[in-house]
């Protein structure tokens, strides 16, 4: 299985290549310049593996939620690569990628509450459980809202970890959830390394889609309107 993955939904800019059951990846955090970096990183990964785009089985990307410009960039780059190569596409949730990062780092974790900073005094958040094969499975829905709206489902299997920079941006979030959280990983951002791991399972499950369906997910549909004016 050969899958290329990319992610630019946050200040992290990353790409990963699954080839011969190994993952090679590149990750850097930058405030801007994702568009200039991502294609050169992709070229370098493919060159190192001696692969062309047409040799791939699929192209995956972090489809959001995340920053409007970054999510749109990831989707458009993926569409361009997929149309040029005739490869199918695998959109992967950025929240799920963060949850997978925690699950892979600690085999004892059973539930992960992911909160990524959405700016405007809000967070993108969702809750994931450890599923078959150790993969993150969504409990409920992905949401965007004030930190006060974040909750852990009753009966969530422990231990429960929190993850994402929403916890760092809004310290009262972890304080409010309190004893419900065993550990908080407040520095984590989504990475293409987890995107490609999740994409491999999705490809095996027959979830690949054509290039025109490489669509971003924003959750927030009124990004241009001040938060105080929204209901």
C-alpha atoms as a PDB file:
ATOM      1  CA  UNK A   1       0.000   0.000   0.000  1.00  0.00           C
ATOM      2  CA  UNK A   2       1.367   3.403  -1.027  1.00  0.00           C
ATOM      3  CA  UNK A   3      -0.366   6.537   0.285  1.00  0.00           C
ATOM      4  CA  UNK A   4       0.750  10.163   0.328  1.00  0.00           C
ATOM      5  CA  UNK A   5      -0.761  12.422   3.006  1.00  0.00           C
ATOM      6  CA  UNK A   6      -0.546  16.153   3.630  1.00  0.00           C
ATOM      7  CA  UNK A   7      -1.845  18.535   6.255  1.00  0.00           C
ATOM      8  CA  UNK A   8      -1.871  22.339   6.486  1.00  0.00           C
ATOM      9  CA  UNK A   9      -4.968  22.944   8.635  1.00  0.00           C
ATOM     10  CA  UNK A  10      -3.061  24.544  11.527  1.00  0.00           C
ATOM     11  CA  UNK A  11       0.312  26.219  12.051  1.00  0.00           C
ATOM     12  CA  UNK A  12       1.769  22.756  11.465  1.00  0.00           C
ATOM     13  CA  UNK A  13       2.743  21.970   7.874  1.00  0.00           C
ATOM     14  CA  UNK A  14       3.378  18.281   7.281  1.00  0.00           C
ATOM     15  CA  UNK A  15       3.441  15.486   4.752  1.00  0.00           C
ATOM     16  CA  UNK A  16       3.873  11.728   5.094  1.00  0.00           C
ATOM     17  CA  UNK A  17       4.367   8.793   2.773  1.00  0.00           C
ATOM     18  CA  UNK A  18       3.314   5.235   3.582  1.00  0.00           C
ATOM     19  CA  UNK A  19       5.411   2.842   1.505  1.00  0.00           C
ATOM     20  CA  UNK A  20       6.544  -0.730   2.142  1.00  0.00           C
ATOM     21  CA  UNK A  21       4.697  -0.646   5.493  1.00  0.00           C
ATOM     22  CA  UNK A  22       6.847   2.266   6.663  1.00  0.00           C
ATOM     23  CA  UNK A  23       5.949   5.909   7.161  1.00  0.00           C
ATOM     24  CA  UNK A  24       8.386   8.671   6.223  1.00  0.00           C
ATOM     25  CA  UNK A  25       7.275  12.134   7.218  1.00  0.00           C
ATOM     26  CA  UNK A  26       8.175  15.801   7.423  1.00  0.00           C
ATOM     27  CA  UNK A  27       6.744  18.195  10.027  1.00  0.00           C
ATOM     28  CA  UNK A  28       7.378  21.851  10.755  1.00  0.00           C
ATOM     29  CA  UNK A  29       5.451  24.584  12.582  1.00  0.00           C
ATOM     30  CA  UNK A  30       5.300  27.934  10.805  1.00  0.00           C
ATOM     31  CA  UNK A  31       2.980  30.919  11.059  1.00  0.00           C
ATOM     32  CA  UNK A  32       2.733  31.275   7.273  1.00  0.00           C
ATOM     33  CA  UNK A  33       4.234  29.972   4.048  1.00  0.00           C
ATOM     34  CA  UNK A  34       2.477  26.582   4.002  1.00  0.00           C
ATOM     35  CA  UNK A  35       1.723  26.869   0.294  1.00  0.00           C
ATOM     36  CA  UNK A  36       5.390  27.429  -0.543  1.00  0.00           C
ATOM     37  CA  UNK A  37       6.564  24.526   1.613  1.00  0.00           C
ATOM     38  CA  UNK A  38       4.105  21.711   1.091  1.00  0.00           C
ATOM     39  CA  UNK A  39       4.792  20.900  -2.571  1.00  0.00           C
ATOM     40  CA  UNK A  40       8.564  20.830  -2.103  1.00  0.00           C
ATOM     41  CA  UNK A  41       8.176  18.504   0.885  1.00  0.00           C
ATOM     42  CA  UNK A  42       5.925  16.192  -1.128  1.00  0.00           C
ATOM     43  CA  UNK A  43       8.441  16.148  -3.977  1.00  0.00           C
ATOM     44  CA  UNK A  44      11.241  15.269  -1.561  1.00  0.00           C
ATOM     45  CA  UNK A  45       9.307  12.379   0.023  1.00  0.00           C
ATOM     46  CA  UNK A  46       8.413  10.895  -3.357  1.00  0.00           C
ATOM     47  CA  UNK A  47      11.953  11.309  -4.674  1.00  0.00           C
ATOM     48  CA  UNK A  48      13.448   9.612  -1.633  1.00  0.00           C
ATOM     49  CA  UNK A  49      11.114   6.625  -2.138  1.00  0.00           C
ATOM     50  CA  UNK A  50      11.683   6.682  -5.921  1.00  0.00           C
ATOM     51  CA  UNK A  51       7.957   6.973  -6.510  1.00  0.00           C
ATOM     52  CA  UNK A  52       5.782   9.051  -8.828  1.00  0.00           C
ATOM     53  CA  UNK A  53       2.273  10.249  -8.073  1.00  0.00           C
ATOM     54  CA  UNK A  54       0.868   7.642 -10.464  1.00  0.00           C
ATOM     55  CA  UNK A  55       2.541   4.910  -8.387  1.00  0.00           C
ATOM     56  CA  UNK A  56       0.405   5.779  -5.370  1.00  0.00           C
ATOM     57  CA  UNK A  57      -2.767   3.980  -4.336  1.00  0.00           C
ATOM     58  CA  UNK A  58      -4.323   7.166  -2.943  1.00  0.00           C
ATOM     59  CA  UNK A  59      -3.678  10.697  -1.693  1.00  0.00           C
ATOM     60  CA  UNK A  60      -4.917  11.690   1.777  1.00  0.00           C
ATOM     61  CA  UNK A  61      -5.272  15.079   3.435  1.00  0.00           C
ATOM     62  CA  UNK A  62      -6.337  16.683   6.685  1.00  0.00           C
ATOM     63  CA  UNK A  63      -9.795  17.900   5.659  1.00  0.00           C
ATOM     64  CA  UNK A  64     -10.410  20.021   8.744  1.00  0.00           C
ATOM     65  CA  UNK A  65     -11.755  21.431  10.864  1.00  0.00           C
ATOM     66  CA  UNK A  66      -9.025  24.018  11.081  1.00  0.00           C
ATOM     67  CA  UNK A  67      -8.008  27.416   9.804  1.00  0.00           C
ATOM     68  CA  UNK A  68      -9.997  28.439   6.729  1.00  0.00           C
ATOM     69  CA  UNK A  69      -6.965  29.166   4.545  1.00  0.00           C
ATOM     70  CA  UNK A  70      -5.025  26.095   5.659  1.00  0.00           C
ATOM     71  CA  UNK A  71      -7.886  23.641   5.178  1.00  0.00           C
ATOM     72  CA  UNK A  72      -8.689  25.112   1.777  1.00  0.00           C
ATOM     73  CA  UNK A  73      -5.020  24.828   0.783  1.00  0.00           C
ATOM     74  CA  UNK A  74      -4.817  21.148   1.740  1.00  0.00           C
ATOM     75  CA  UNK A  75      -7.979  20.360  -0.208  1.00  0.00           C
ATOM     76  CA  UNK A  76      -6.922  22.274  -3.314  1.00  0.00           C
ATOM     77  CA  UNK A  77      -3.402  20.801  -3.398  1.00  0.00           C
ATOM     78  CA  UNK A  78      -4.844  17.315  -2.958  1.00  0.00           C
ATOM     79  CA  UNK A  79      -7.361  17.874  -5.734  1.00  0.00           C
ATOM     80  CA  UNK A  80      -4.632  19.086  -8.061  1.00  0.00           C
ATOM     81  CA  UNK A  81      -2.394  16.104  -7.353  1.00  0.00           C
ATOM     82  CA  UNK A  82      -5.284  13.660  -7.617  1.00  0.00           C
ATOM     83  CA  UNK A  83      -6.586  15.056 -10.920  1.00  0.00           C
ATOM     84  CA  UNK A  84      -3.069  15.060 -12.378  1.00  0.00           C
ATOM     85  CA  UNK A  85      -2.358  11.470 -11.363  1.00  0.00           C
ATOM     86  CA  UNK A  86      -5.809   9.908 -11.548  1.00  0.00           C
ATOM     87  CA  UNK A  87      -5.485   8.757  -7.938  1.00  0.00           C
ATOM     88  CA  UNK A  88      -8.416   8.571  -5.473  1.00  0.00           C
ATOM     89  CA  UNK A  89      -8.590  10.731  -2.364  1.00  0.00           C
ATOM     90  CA  UNK A  90      -8.977  10.034   1.348  1.00  0.00           C
ATOM     91  CA  UNK A  91     -10.203  12.999   3.474  1.00  0.00           C
ATOM     92  CA  UNK A  92      -9.265  12.541   7.151  1.00  0.00           C
ATOM     93  CA  UNK A  93     -10.487  14.566  10.134  1.00  0.00           C
ATOM     94  CA  UNK A  94      -7.864  16.741  11.787  1.00  0.00           C
ATOM     95  CA  UNK A  95      -9.484  16.135  15.160  1.00  0.00           C
ATOM     96  CA  UNK A  96      -9.279  12.398  14.628  1.00  0.00           C
ATOM     97  CA  UNK A  97      -5.612  12.725  13.678  1.00  0.00           C
ATOM     98  CA  UNK A  98      -4.851  14.350  17.040  1.00  0.00           C
ATOM     99  CA  UNK A  99      -6.762  11.628  18.874  1.00  0.00           C
ATOM    100  CA  UNK A 100      -4.817   8.977  16.975  1.00  0.00           C
ATOM    101  CA  UNK A 101      -1.552  10.615  17.999  1.00  0.00           C
ATOM    102  CA  UNK A 102      -2.490  10.147  21.654  1.00  0.00           C
ATOM    103  CA  UNK A 103      -3.743   6.580  21.205  1.00  0.00           C
ATOM    104  CA  UNK A 104      -0.540   5.583  19.422  1.00  0.00           C
ATOM    105  CA  UNK A 105       1.618   7.108  22.145  1.00  0.00           C
ATOM    106  CA  UNK A 106      -0.032   5.268  25.053  1.00  0.00           C
ATOM    107  CA  UNK A 107      -1.717   1.883  24.678  1.00  0.00           C
ATOM    108  CA  UNK A 108      -3.600   2.313  27.963  1.00  0.00           C
ATOM    109  CA  UNK A 109      -5.671   5.313  26.771  1.00  0.00           C
ATOM    110  CA  UNK A 110      -9.276   4.451  25.949  1.00  0.00           C
ATOM    111  CA  UNK A 111     -10.916   7.856  25.300  1.00  0.00           C
ATOM    112  CA  UNK A 112      -9.535  11.136  23.941  1.00  0.00           C
ATOM    113  CA  UNK A 113     -11.220  14.545  24.101  1.00  0.00           C
ATOM    114  CA  UNK A 114      -9.682  16.655  21.328  1.00  0.00           C
ATOM    115  CA  UNK A 115      -9.915  20.441  21.497  1.00  0.00           C
ATOM    116  CA  UNK A 116      -8.145  22.432  18.790  1.00  0.00           C
ATOM    117  CA  UNK A 117      -8.036  26.205  19.023  1.00  0.00           C
ATOM    118  CA  UNK A 118     -10.613  27.719  16.638  1.00  0.00           C
ATOM    119  CA  UNK A 119      -9.812  31.343  17.600  1.00  0.00           C
ATOM    120  CA  UNK A 120     -12.693  33.749  18.285  1.00  0.00           C
ATOM    121  CA  UNK A 121     -12.981  32.268  21.821  1.00  0.00           C
ATOM    122  CA  UNK A 122     -14.019  28.905  20.412  1.00  0.00           C
ATOM    123  CA  UNK A 123     -12.625  25.404  19.974  1.00  0.00           C
ATOM    124  CA  UNK A 124     -13.097  22.648  17.436  1.00  0.00           C
ATOM    125  CA  UNK A 125     -13.772  19.574  19.521  1.00  0.00           C
ATOM    126  CA  UNK A 126     -14.803  15.937  19.470  1.00  0.00           C
ATOM    127  CA  UNK A 127     -14.488  12.808  21.583  1.00  0.00           C
ATOM    128  CA  UNK A 128     -12.902   9.588  20.321  1.00  0.00           C
ATOM    129  CA  UNK A 129     -12.700   6.060  21.675  1.00  0.00           C
ATOM    130  CA  UNK A 130     -10.067   3.424  20.964  1.00  0.00           C
ATOM    131  CA  UNK A 131     -11.607   1.152  18.354  1.00  0.00           C
ATOM    132  CA  UNK A 132     -10.646  -1.902  16.361  1.00  0.00           C
ATOM    133  CA  UNK A 133      -6.948  -2.006  15.587  1.00  0.00           C
ATOM    134  CA  UNK A 134      -6.314   0.849  17.989  1.00  0.00           C
ATOM    135  CA  UNK A 135      -7.906   3.354  15.622  1.00  0.00           C
ATOM    136  CA  UNK A 136      -9.774   6.424  16.863  1.00  0.00           C
ATOM    137  CA  UNK A 137     -13.546   6.133  16.522  1.00  0.00           C
ATOM    138  CA  UNK A 138     -15.749   9.207  16.812  1.00  0.00           C
ATOM    139  CA  UNK A 139     -18.255   9.355  19.674  1.00  0.00           C
ATOM    140  CA  UNK A 140     -21.019  11.779  18.757  1.00  0.00           C
ATOM    141  CA  UNK A 141     -20.226  14.657  16.397  1.00  0.00           C
ATOM    142  CA  UNK A 142     -17.395  17.032  15.610  1.00  0.00           C
ATOM    143  CA  UNK A 143     -18.364  20.467  16.896  1.00  0.00           C
ATOM    144  CA  UNK A 144     -17.248  24.070  17.147  1.00  0.00           C
ATOM    145  CA  UNK A 145     -18.212  26.209  20.123  1.00  0.00           C
ATOM    146  CA  UNK A 146     -17.111  27.985  23.232  1.00  0.00           C
ATOM    147  CA  UNK A 147     -14.919  25.981  25.611  1.00  0.00           C
ATOM    148  CA  UNK A 148     -17.847  25.782  28.010  1.00  0.00           C
ATOM    149  CA  UNK A 149     -19.711  23.546  25.536  1.00  0.00           C
ATOM    150  CA  UNK A 150     -17.094  20.759  25.639  1.00  0.00           C
ATOM    151  CA  UNK A 151     -18.293  17.667  27.476  1.00  0.00           C
ATOM    152  CA  UNK A 152     -17.345  14.029  27.960  1.00  0.00           C
ATOM    153  CA  UNK A 153     -20.075  11.455  27.234  1.00  0.00           C
ATOM    154  CA  UNK A 154     -21.457   9.663  30.252  1.00  0.00           C
ATOM    155  CA  UNK A 155     -19.917   6.244  30.533  1.00  0.00           C
ATOM    156  CA  UNK A 156     -16.796   7.093  28.516  1.00  0.00           C
ATOM    157  CA  UNK A 157     -14.192   4.401  29.092  1.00  0.00           C
ATOM    158  CA  UNK A 158     -11.252   5.485  31.229  1.00  0.00           C
ATOM    159  CA  UNK A 159      -8.524   6.556  31.210  1.00  0.00           C
ATOM    160  CA  UNK A 160      -9.611   9.719  29.398  1.00  0.00           C
ATOM    161  CA  UNK A 161      -6.973  12.053  27.956  1.00  0.00           C
ATOM    162  CA  UNK A 162      -7.397  15.581  26.673  1.00  0.00           C
ATOM    163  CA  UNK A 163      -5.435  16.694  23.616  1.00  0.00           C
ATOM    164  CA  UNK A 164      -4.964  19.737  21.444  1.00  0.00           C
ATOM    165  CA  UNK A 165      -3.950  23.350  21.746  1.00  0.00           C
ATOM    166  CA  UNK A 166      -7.452  24.395  22.655  1.00  0.00           C
ATOM    167  CA  UNK A 167      -6.511  23.284  26.163  1.00  0.00           C
ATOM    168  CA  UNK A 168      -3.494  25.588  26.136  1.00  0.00           C
ATOM    169  CA  UNK A 169      -5.442  28.537  24.707  1.00  0.00           C
ATOM    170  CA  UNK A 170      -8.259  28.162  27.262  1.00  0.00           C
ATOM    171  CA  UNK A 171      -6.847  26.837  30.581  1.00  0.00           C
ATOM    172  CA  UNK A 172     -10.278  26.976  32.216  1.00  0.00           C
ATOM    173  CA  UNK A 173     -11.358  24.169  29.885  1.00  0.00           C
ATOM    174  CA  UNK A 174      -9.176  21.561  31.589  1.00  0.00           C
ATOM    175  CA  UNK A 175     -10.031  23.039  34.975  1.00  0.00           C
ATOM    176  CA  UNK A 176     -13.756  22.674  34.292  1.00  0.00           C
ATOM    177  CA  UNK A 177     -13.460  19.069  33.104  1.00  0.00           C
ATOM    178  CA  UNK A 178     -11.287  18.473  36.144  1.00  0.00           C
ATOM    179  CA  UNK A 179     -11.194  14.948  37.471  1.00  0.00           C
ATOM    180  CA  UNK A 180     -12.764  13.593  34.280  1.00  0.00           C
ATOM    181  CA  UNK A 181      -9.386  13.930  32.556  1.00  0.00           C
ATOM    182  CA  UNK A 182      -6.433  11.779  33.552  1.00  0.00           C
ATOM    183  CA  UNK A 183      -3.863  13.614  31.406  1.00  0.00           C
ATOM    184  CA  UNK A 184      -3.916  16.649  29.105  1.00  0.00           C
ATOM    185  CA  UNK A 185      -1.589  16.919  26.067  1.00  0.00           C
ATOM    186  CA  UNK A 186      -1.953  20.619  25.373  1.00  0.00           C
ATOM    187  CA  UNK A 187       0.834  21.031  22.803  1.00  0.00           C
ATOM    188  CA  UNK A 188      -0.387  18.572  20.168  1.00  0.00           C
ATOM    189  CA  UNK A 189      -1.326  19.543  16.628  1.00  0.00           C
ATOM    190  CA  UNK A 190      -2.544  17.281  13.812  1.00  0.00           C
ATOM    191  CA  UNK A 191       0.176  15.643  11.705  1.00  0.00           C
ATOM    192  CA  UNK A 192       0.237  13.956   8.311  1.00  0.00           C
ATOM    193  CA  UNK A 193       1.833  10.937  10.000  1.00  0.00           C
ATOM    194  CA  UNK A 194      -1.462  10.116  11.720  1.00  0.00           C
ATOM    195  CA  UNK A 195      -3.484  11.219   8.692  1.00  0.00           C
ATOM    196  CA  UNK A 196      -1.753   8.595   6.549  1.00  0.00           C
ATOM    197  CA  UNK A 197      -2.180   5.906   9.221  1.00  0.00           C
ATOM    198  CA  UNK A 198      -5.919   6.533   9.374  1.00  0.00           C
ATOM    199  CA  UNK A 199      -6.123   6.842   5.595  1.00  0.00           C
ATOM    200  CA  UNK A 200      -4.631   3.365   5.167  1.00  0.00           C
ATOM    201  CA  UNK A 201      -7.494   1.863   7.170  1.00  0.00           C
ATOM    202  CA  UNK A 202     -10.025   3.944   5.221  1.00  0.00           C
ATOM    203  CA  UNK A 203      -8.554   2.796   1.911  1.00  0.00           C
ATOM    204  CA  UNK A 204      -8.767  -0.844   3.001  1.00  0.00           C
ATOM    205  CA  UNK A 205     -12.403  -0.217   3.975  1.00  0.00           C
ATOM    206  CA  UNK A 206     -13.222   1.096   0.502  1.00  0.00           C
ATOM    207  CA  UNK A 207     -13.719   4.717   1.582  1.00  0.00           C
ATOM    208  CA  UNK A 208     -11.605   6.413  -1.086  1.00  0.00           C
ATOM    209  CA  UNK A 209     -13.405   9.050  -3.173  1.00  0.00           C
ATOM    210  CA  UNK A 210     -12.714  10.743  -6.530  1.00  0.00           C
ATOM    211  CA  UNK A 211     -10.673  13.946  -6.701  1.00  0.00           C
ATOM    212  CA  UNK A 212     -13.689  16.242  -6.943  1.00  0.00           C
ATOM    213  CA  UNK A 213     -14.764  15.052  -3.489  1.00  0.00           C
ATOM    214  CA  UNK A 214     -11.569  16.277  -1.821  1.00  0.00           C
ATOM    215  CA  UNK A 215     -13.629  18.831   0.083  1.00  0.00           C
ATOM    216  CA  UNK A 216     -12.717  20.846   3.191  1.00  0.00           C
ATOM    217  CA  UNK A 217     -14.713  20.682   6.418  1.00  0.00           C
ATOM    218  CA  UNK A 218     -14.861  23.974   8.297  1.00  0.00           C
ATOM    219  CA  UNK A 219     -17.687  23.363  10.844  1.00  0.00           C
ATOM    220  CA  UNK A 220     -17.896  27.135  11.214  1.00  0.00           C
ATOM    221  CA  UNK A 221     -19.772  28.517   8.215  1.00  0.00           C
ATOM    222  CA  UNK A 222     -19.612  32.174   9.266  1.00  0.00           C
ATOM    223  CA  UNK A 223     -15.892  32.689   9.794  1.00  0.00           C
ATOM    224  CA  UNK A 224     -16.046  36.309   8.646  1.00  0.00           C
ATOM    225  CA  UNK A 225     -18.628  37.358  11.224  1.00  0.00           C
ATOM    226  CA  UNK A 226     -17.542  38.382  14.761  1.00  0.00           C
ATOM    227  CA  UNK A 227     -18.401  35.805  17.405  1.00  0.00           C
ATOM    228  CA  UNK A 228     -20.480  38.307  19.386  1.00  0.00           C
ATOM    229  CA  UNK A 229     -22.904  38.660  16.482  1.00  0.00           C
ATOM    230  CA  UNK A 230     -23.587  34.934  16.187  1.00  0.00           C
ATOM    231  CA  UNK A 231     -26.460  33.250  17.943  1.00  0.00           C
END
